[in-house]
Structure formats: structure tokens, C-alpha cells
């Protein structure tokens, strides 16, 4: 004979199983969006770098500043407009952002050898995967590190903008070291945040937008980590 306690326990387990399955699908959607975004970025970057008719007028003219700063403008646009967007619009804006980022990253293929780019990509993927897995599985509250990571991120951005004009190799080395630490920490922090923000009660539309914004956060961490590691270990074209 089933007792009320046994019925409640079974019901709680069913509810937990449903929530866990929804969370698993949500995280899978986040990683799928991020992965497709990286593929799109890589394809655009490689195509532009392989087409002199495209990269010469861009990177040998003042237009390069527009290309370099456009991704930052997209990030601000996302931050201020994500709540007003529909899920479909947010997704289209994310793909557009990935394409623009690919345009900006085309210079990587012009500066570094293909071998060092591939090697750094796989190193970045391994670091990102391990750190994101930690953020997803750890029971430690990472939110207390959030303010320090954000301050570090702001410092890296400001220092990078300043170094565009100074072109200091010593400053760039320091930026790269600190940046790798910051974006590694942000990967774990953002993964945990994405996991904790998911709620079945939010509905499909809200969760879809959160998946896009979560994918954007992880995408930015990956791309910045890749660029910083490449500046540290990449072999330049002779």
C-alpha cells in the first residue's frame, strides 16, 4: 500500500527528472548555438583572408577600425536590447554578430601560420571544455568571483584599446596573461550562471532568448581566450 510520503517522494523525483531533462536540452542548445557560431566565424574569417579583393580594401585602409570595433558595438546592442527582442530576432542578431566577428578575425589568418592557428584552437577548446565542465558540475558558488572577473575584463578591454595606439609588446604580453586568467574564470562563472538561470516556468520564448544570450557569453569567452593564447604562443608568418 502506497503511503502519502511515498507518493510525494515519487512525485518529487518525477518533477526533478523533468527539470533535469529540460536543463540538459537547454544547455545543449546553448552549446549548439555557440558551436555553430564558431564555425560561421571561422568560415567567414578564412574566406576573407583567402580573398585579396576583400581583405586588401579592409585591412589596408581606415575601414579596419570599423571592422575591429564593430563586434564591441554588437555586444552593447545585445546587452541593451535582448529583453526587447523576440527569440527569433535574437538568434538572427547572434548569427550576424558571428559573421562580423569572422570579418574582424580574418587578420589572424594573415598574421599567423595555419599550423599555429590549428594548434591554438585545439588548446583553447580543451581549456574551454574543462573549465565549462567545472562550472557546470561544481557545487561551489562562483558568483562571489563575478565582480572581480568583470573588473578584470574591463581592465583588459581598456588596456587593449590603449595598446592599439601604443603598440607595446610588454603591455600586450601582460594583457594576454591576465586575459587568459580572466576569460578562463569567466567561462566557469558564465556556465554556472546559465545553468542557474534556467527555469522551466519561464516558458519557451524566454528560455530560447536566454539560450542565445548564454551562447553569446560562452562564444565571447572562447574567441577571446583563443586570441590571447594565439598572441602568446602563435607562430607568425615570415
Protein backbone atom coordinates (compact mmCIF):
# COMPACT_ATOMS: atom_id res chain seq x y z
CA UNK A 1 0.00 0.00 0.00
CA UNK A 2 1.39 3.36 -1.02
CA UNK A 3 1.75 5.93 1.72
CA UNK A 4 1.33 9.70 1.17
CA UNK A 5 5.05 10.07 1.85
CA UNK A 6 5.96 7.52 -0.84
CA UNK A 7 3.61 9.26 -3.31
CA UNK A 8 5.16 12.66 -2.57
CA UNK A 9 8.67 11.25 -2.92
CA UNK A 10 7.82 9.67 -6.26
CA UNK A 11 6.21 12.89 -7.47
CA UNK A 12 9.26 14.92 -6.41
CA UNK A 13 11.55 12.53 -8.28
CA UNK A 14 9.41 12.84 -11.40
CA UNK A 15 9.48 16.64 -11.17
CA UNK A 16 13.25 16.62 -10.69
CA UNK A 17 13.72 14.29 -13.66
CA UNK A 18 11.60 16.55 -15.88
CA UNK A 19 13.55 19.62 -14.76
CA UNK A 20 16.91 17.89 -15.33
CA UNK A 21 15.86 16.83 -18.82
CA UNK A 22 14.76 20.38 -19.63
CA UNK A 23 18.04 21.76 -18.29
CA UNK A 24 20.02 19.25 -20.34
CA UNK A 25 18.20 20.30 -23.52
CA UNK A 26 18.71 23.98 -22.65
CA UNK A 27 22.46 23.59 -22.13
CA UNK A 28 22.75 21.51 -25.29
CA UNK A 29 21.02 24.32 -27.21
CA UNK A 30 23.46 26.86 -25.74
CA UNK A 31 26.49 24.82 -26.78
CA UNK A 32 25.00 24.11 -30.23
CA UNK A 33 24.43 27.82 -30.86
CA UNK A 34 27.94 28.58 -29.69
CA UNK A 35 29.47 25.81 -31.83
CA UNK A 36 27.60 26.86 -34.98
CA UNK A 37 28.62 30.46 -34.28
CA UNK A 38 32.29 29.47 -34.09
CA UNK A 39 32.01 27.54 -37.37
CA UNK A 40 30.38 30.55 -39.06
CA UNK A 41 33.09 32.86 -37.70
CA UNK A 42 35.86 30.55 -38.90
CA UNK A 43 34.35 30.21 -42.38
CA UNK A 44 33.95 33.98 -42.82
CA UNK A 45 37.45 34.67 -41.48
CA UNK A 46 39.07 32.09 -43.76
CA UNK A 47 37.10 33.24 -46.82
CA UNK A 48 38.00 36.89 -46.32
CA UNK A 49 41.67 36.09 -45.64
CA UNK A 50 41.78 33.97 -48.81
CA UNK A 51 40.28 36.74 -50.97
CA UNK A 52 42.65 39.68 -51.62
CA UNK A 53 39.81 41.65 -53.19
CA UNK A 54 38.17 41.68 -49.75
CA UNK A 55 40.98 41.92 -47.20
CA UNK A 56 43.12 44.49 -49.02
CA UNK A 57 40.50 47.31 -49.01
CA UNK A 58 39.55 46.42 -45.43
CA UNK A 59 42.84 45.93 -43.60
CA UNK A 60 44.89 48.41 -45.61
CA UNK A 61 42.54 51.32 -45.04
CA UNK A 62 40.85 53.13 -42.12
CA UNK A 63 37.96 50.69 -42.60
CA UNK A 64 39.92 48.24 -40.43
CA UNK A 65 38.99 50.30 -37.34
CA UNK A 66 35.30 49.88 -38.13
CA UNK A 67 35.78 46.14 -38.57
CA UNK A 68 37.78 45.84 -35.34
CA UNK A 69 35.29 47.80 -33.21
CA UNK A 70 32.06 46.50 -34.80
CA UNK A 71 31.91 43.35 -32.58
CA UNK A 72 32.09 45.52 -29.46
CA UNK A 73 29.18 47.59 -30.75
CA UNK A 74 27.21 44.37 -31.32
CA UNK A 75 27.84 43.26 -27.73
CA UNK A 76 26.49 46.56 -26.36
CA UNK A 77 23.49 46.26 -28.69
CA UNK A 78 22.77 42.77 -27.36
CA UNK A 79 23.14 43.87 -23.75
CA UNK A 80 20.64 46.72 -24.05
CA UNK A 81 18.14 45.17 -26.48
CA UNK A 82 17.99 41.46 -25.58
CA UNK A 83 14.85 41.88 -23.44
CA UNK A 84 13.00 43.71 -26.21
CA UNK A 85 13.88 41.14 -28.89
CA UNK A 86 11.94 38.06 -29.84
CA UNK A 87 13.82 34.76 -29.67
CA UNK A 88 13.99 34.59 -33.49
CA UNK A 89 15.38 38.14 -33.74
CA UNK A 90 17.95 37.44 -31.04
CA UNK A 91 19.08 34.35 -32.89
CA UNK A 92 19.44 36.22 -36.21
CA UNK A 93 21.38 39.01 -34.46
CA UNK A 94 23.69 36.37 -32.96
CA UNK A 95 24.46 34.88 -36.40
CA UNK A 96 25.09 38.38 -37.76
CA UNK A 97 27.45 39.06 -34.86
CA UNK A 98 29.37 35.81 -35.53
CA UNK A 99 29.77 36.79 -39.19
CA UNK A 100 31.04 40.27 -38.26
CA UNK A 101 33.45 38.69 -35.78
CA UNK A 102 34.71 36.47 -38.59
CA UNK A 103 35.39 39.55 -40.67
CA UNK A 104 37.36 41.01 -37.76
CA UNK A 105 39.32 37.79 -37.19
CA UNK A 106 40.35 37.41 -40.84
CA UNK A 107 43.59 39.18 -39.95
CA UNK A 108 44.55 36.18 -37.82
CA UNK A 109 45.00 34.08 -40.98
CA UNK A 110 47.15 36.83 -42.49
CA UNK A 111 49.47 37.13 -39.46
CA UNK A 112 49.84 33.60 -38.06
CA UNK A 113 50.66 30.27 -39.69
CA UNK A 114 47.87 27.78 -40.27
CA UNK A 115 49.61 25.20 -38.06
CA UNK A 116 49.82 27.53 -35.06
CA UNK A 117 46.19 28.61 -35.54
CA UNK A 118 45.01 24.98 -35.55
CA UNK A 119 47.20 24.09 -32.55
CA UNK A 120 45.97 27.07 -30.54
CA UNK A 121 42.35 26.32 -31.45
CA UNK A 122 42.57 22.79 -30.04
CA UNK A 123 44.36 24.03 -26.90
CA UNK A 124 41.62 26.63 -26.44
CA UNK A 125 38.91 24.01 -26.98
CA UNK A 126 40.47 21.75 -24.34
CA UNK A 127 40.82 24.57 -21.81
CA UNK A 128 37.32 25.85 -22.51
CA UNK A 129 35.76 22.39 -22.30
CA UNK A 130 37.43 21.54 -18.99
CA UNK A 131 36.59 24.92 -17.43
CA UNK A 132 32.98 24.93 -18.64
CA UNK A 133 32.51 21.38 -17.33
CA UNK A 134 33.83 22.53 -13.96
CA UNK A 135 31.41 25.45 -13.93
CA UNK A 136 28.51 23.13 -14.74
CA UNK A 137 29.30 20.40 -12.21
CA UNK A 138 30.81 22.25 -9.24
CA UNK A 139 28.68 22.92 -6.18
CA UNK A 140 30.86 25.84 -5.23
CA UNK A 141 29.17 29.22 -5.62
CA UNK A 142 31.17 31.12 -8.24
CA UNK A 143 29.03 34.26 -8.09
CA UNK A 144 31.31 35.79 -5.45
CA UNK A 145 34.08 35.91 -8.06
CA UNK A 146 31.86 37.65 -10.60
CA UNK A 147 32.67 41.23 -9.61
CA UNK A 148 36.42 40.57 -9.69
CA UNK A 149 36.17 38.90 -13.11
CA UNK A 150 34.11 41.78 -14.52
CA UNK A 151 36.63 44.32 -13.20
CA UNK A 152 39.42 42.27 -14.76
CA UNK A 153 37.52 42.16 -18.05
CA UNK A 154 37.03 45.94 -18.07
CA UNK A 155 40.74 46.39 -17.34
CA UNK A 156 41.72 44.07 -20.20
CA UNK A 157 39.42 45.90 -22.64
CA UNK A 158 40.73 49.35 -21.68
CA UNK A 159 44.36 48.20 -21.78
CA UNK A 160 43.80 46.57 -25.19
CA UNK A 161 42.28 49.76 -26.63
CA UNK A 162 45.18 51.82 -25.25
CA UNK A 163 47.72 49.39 -26.67
CA UNK A 164 46.25 49.77 -30.15
CA UNK A 165 47.93 53.18 -30.16
CA UNK A 166 50.97 52.36 -28.00
CA UNK A 167 51.81 49.05 -29.71
CA UNK A 168 53.81 47.96 -26.65
CA UNK A 169 54.90 44.30 -26.76
CA UNK A 170 55.43 44.25 -22.97
CA UNK A 171 51.91 45.59 -22.34
CA UNK A 172 50.47 43.11 -24.85
CA UNK A 173 52.20 40.23 -23.05
CA UNK A 174 50.74 41.37 -19.71
CA UNK A 175 47.29 41.78 -21.27
CA UNK A 176 47.48 38.27 -22.71
CA UNK A 177 48.48 36.63 -19.42
CA UNK A 178 45.84 38.46 -17.38
CA UNK A 179 43.25 37.99 -20.13
CA UNK A 180 43.73 34.22 -20.23
CA UNK A 181 43.10 34.07 -16.47
CA UNK A 182 40.07 36.35 -16.69
CA UNK A 183 38.37 34.53 -19.57
CA UNK A 184 39.11 31.11 -18.08
CA UNK A 185 37.38 32.25 -14.90
CA UNK A 186 34.51 33.80 -16.84
CA UNK A 187 33.93 30.53 -18.70
CA UNK A 188 33.27 28.67 -15.43
CA UNK A 189 31.30 31.59 -13.99
CA UNK A 190 29.10 32.06 -17.08
CA UNK A 191 28.43 28.33 -17.40
CA UNK A 192 27.20 28.16 -13.82
CA UNK A 193 25.11 31.32 -14.34
CA UNK A 194 23.48 29.89 -17.49
CA UNK A 195 22.65 26.70 -15.62
CA UNK A 196 21.17 28.52 -12.63
CA UNK A 197 19.15 30.99 -14.72
CA UNK A 198 17.27 28.21 -16.47
CA UNK A 199 13.73 27.69 -15.23
CA UNK A 200 11.03 25.63 -16.89
CA UNK A 201 8.42 28.14 -15.69
CA UNK A 202 9.94 30.92 -17.81
CA UNK A 203 8.44 29.40 -20.94
CA UNK A 204 9.88 28.51 -24.33
CA UNK A 205 10.31 32.08 -25.62
CA UNK A 206 12.21 33.36 -22.56
CA UNK A 207 14.38 30.27 -22.33
CA UNK A 208 15.19 30.49 -26.05
CA UNK A 209 16.42 34.07 -25.61
CA UNK A 210 18.44 33.03 -22.58
CA UNK A 211 20.00 30.24 -24.65
CA UNK A 212 21.11 32.75 -27.30
CA UNK A 213 22.50 35.17 -24.73
CA UNK A 214 24.23 32.31 -22.92
CA UNK A 215 25.74 31.14 -26.20
CA UNK A 216 26.97 34.68 -26.83
CA UNK A 217 28.67 34.81 -23.42
CA UNK A 218 30.46 31.48 -23.91
CA UNK A 219 31.29 32.33 -27.53
CA UNK A 220 32.98 35.57 -26.46
CA UNK A 221 34.95 33.74 -23.78
CA UNK A 222 36.15 31.17 -26.30
CA UNK A 223 37.10 33.67 -29.00
CA UNK A 224 38.94 35.97 -26.61
CA UNK A 225 40.74 33.05 -24.99
CA UNK A 226 41.78 31.84 -28.46
CA UNK A 227 43.10 35.26 -29.48
CA UNK A 228 45.04 35.74 -26.25
CA UNK A 229 46.62 32.29 -26.40
CA UNK A 230 47.47 32.85 -30.05
CA UNK A 231 49.25 36.11 -29.21
CA UNK A 232 51.29 34.22 -26.61
CA UNK A 233 52.13 31.03 -28.49
CA UNK A 234 51.28 31.64 -32.15
CA UNK A 235 53.94 31.45 -34.85
CA UNK A 236 53.83 34.41 -37.21
CA UNK A 237 54.09 34.22 -40.98
CA UNK A 238 57.53 35.17 -42.26
